[in-house]
Protein backbone atom coordinates (compact mmCIF):
# COMPACT_ATOMS: atom_id res chain seq x y z
CA UNK A 1 -36.32 -12.99 9.06
CA UNK A 2 -37.13 -10.78 6.14
CA UNK A 3 -35.13 -7.73 5.27
CA UNK A 4 -36.44 -4.85 3.27
CA UNK A 5 -34.49 -4.33 0.08
CA UNK A 6 -34.23 -0.64 0.96
CA UNK A 7 -32.04 -1.61 3.95
CA UNK A 8 -29.59 -3.66 1.89
CA UNK A 9 -26.48 -2.01 0.45
CA UNK A 10 -26.50 -1.37 -3.26
CA UNK A 11 -24.45 -3.79 -5.34
CA UNK A 12 -21.67 -1.94 -7.10
CA UNK A 13 -20.54 -3.35 -10.40
CA UNK A 14 -17.82 -1.22 -11.96
CA UNK A 15 -17.67 -1.16 -15.72
CA UNK A 16 -15.02 -3.41 -17.24
CA UNK A 17 -12.87 -0.42 -18.22
CA UNK A 18 -12.92 0.81 -14.60
CA UNK A 19 -11.24 -2.38 -13.39
CA UNK A 20 -7.96 -2.13 -15.32
CA UNK A 21 -6.10 -1.34 -12.07
CA UNK A 22 -6.92 -4.83 -10.77
CA UNK A 23 -3.95 -6.23 -12.66
CA UNK A 24 -0.61 -4.97 -11.60
CA UNK A 25 1.55 -3.08 -14.03
CA UNK A 26 4.44 -3.15 -11.54
CA UNK A 27 4.43 0.65 -11.34
CA UNK A 28 5.03 2.29 -7.95
CA UNK A 29 3.47 5.60 -9.01
CA UNK A 30 0.24 5.47 -6.96
CA UNK A 31 2.10 4.68 -3.72
CA UNK A 32 4.97 7.08 -4.27
CA UNK A 33 2.58 9.86 -5.24
CA UNK A 34 0.65 9.32 -2.00
CA UNK A 35 3.78 9.24 0.17
CA UNK A 36 5.24 12.34 -1.48
CA UNK A 37 1.97 14.21 -0.96
CA UNK A 38 2.06 13.26 2.73
CA UNK A 39 5.57 14.67 3.17
CA UNK A 40 7.35 11.36 3.68
CA UNK A 41 11.13 11.13 3.19
CA UNK A 42 11.54 9.14 -0.03
CA UNK A 43 14.93 7.86 -1.21
CA UNK A 44 15.63 5.78 -4.28
CA UNK A 45 18.69 3.61 -4.66
CA UNK A 46 20.87 3.11 -7.74
CA UNK A 47 19.37 -0.41 -7.94
CA UNK A 48 15.85 1.12 -8.47
CA UNK A 49 14.51 0.23 -5.02
CA UNK A 50 12.69 2.95 -3.08
CA UNK A 51 12.62 3.48 0.69
CA UNK A 52 10.20 5.86 2.41
CA UNK A 53 9.75 6.87 6.04
CA UNK A 54 6.80 8.66 7.58
CA UNK A 55 7.44 12.11 9.08
CA UNK A 56 7.12 10.69 12.62
CA UNK A 57 9.50 7.81 11.81
CA UNK A 58 6.99 5.13 12.85
CA UNK A 59 6.28 3.70 9.38
CA UNK A 60 8.67 2.48 6.69
CA UNK A 61 7.59 1.55 3.17
CA UNK A 62 9.92 -0.21 0.78
CA UNK A 63 9.34 -0.79 -2.91
CA UNK A 64 11.82 -3.55 -3.63
CA UNK A 65 11.64 -4.65 -7.28
CA UNK A 66 15.41 -5.22 -7.43
CA UNK A 67 16.02 -6.73 -3.98
CA UNK A 68 17.09 -10.41 -4.22
CA UNK A 69 15.88 -11.12 -0.65
CA UNK A 70 12.42 -9.81 -1.60
CA UNK A 71 12.40 -11.94 -4.76
CA UNK A 72 12.96 -15.06 -2.66
CA UNK A 73 9.78 -14.25 -0.72
CA UNK A 74 7.87 -13.14 -3.85
CA UNK A 75 7.25 -9.66 -2.47
CA UNK A 76 7.78 -6.21 -3.89
CA UNK A 77 6.24 -4.04 -1.13
CA UNK A 78 7.23 -4.09 2.55
CA UNK A 79 5.51 -1.97 5.19
CA UNK A 80 7.06 -1.92 8.67
CA UNK A 81 5.15 -0.22 11.47
CA UNK A 82 6.88 0.73 14.71
CA UNK A 83 4.13 1.81 17.12
CA UNK A 84 5.14 4.11 19.97
CA UNK A 85 3.48 1.83 22.49
CA UNK A 86 3.21 -1.60 20.91
CA UNK A 87 5.00 -4.38 19.11
CA UNK A 88 6.32 -3.72 15.59
CA UNK A 89 4.49 -5.41 12.74
CA UNK A 90 5.06 -5.97 9.04
CA UNK A 91 2.78 -6.22 6.03
CA UNK A 92 4.21 -7.40 2.73
CA UNK A 93 2.57 -7.39 -0.68
CA UNK A 94 3.36 -9.79 -3.52
CA UNK A 95 4.60 -8.97 -6.96
CA UNK A 96 1.11 -9.17 -8.44
CA UNK A 97 -0.56 -6.82 -5.93
CA UNK A 98 -1.59 -3.64 -7.75
CA UNK A 99 0.07 -0.48 -6.46
CA UNK A 100 -3.38 1.07 -6.13
CA UNK A 101 -4.25 -1.60 -3.54
CA UNK A 102 -1.06 -0.88 -1.59
CA UNK A 103 -1.81 2.86 -1.77
CA UNK A 104 -5.30 2.15 -0.43
CA UNK A 105 -3.85 0.15 2.47
CA UNK A 106 -1.42 2.97 3.30
CA UNK A 107 -4.12 5.65 3.00
CA UNK A 108 -6.25 3.70 5.49
CA UNK A 109 -3.26 3.23 7.80
CA UNK A 110 -2.46 6.94 7.74
CA UNK A 111 -6.12 7.94 8.19
CA UNK A 112 -6.43 5.65 11.20
CA UNK A 113 -3.21 6.87 12.79
CA UNK A 114 -4.30 10.50 12.62
CA UNK A 115 -7.32 9.93 14.93
């Protein structure tokens, strides 16, 4: 089978300077900015952890850089989804996952849930 090159997707190669976000700087800014813009309830603790809940109460996001239980599992992000008509599920992200990747995951989750 031969495929015309015009039917194949273009290969995207970002410039080296465009890939700086691929290494985590352990900053929660991209995620917290997204959640604040979506009107989520965001609360930070004196220990520097942050807890956020979606307006409908079905999604929780925790940024847990100072949570000993999270350290033991090598995570810093915890997303808990409580569907109205399904089983709850959890997605956790490790300490080296860039916040931009977590924000992308949450943006996709929110976009999907609004349909």
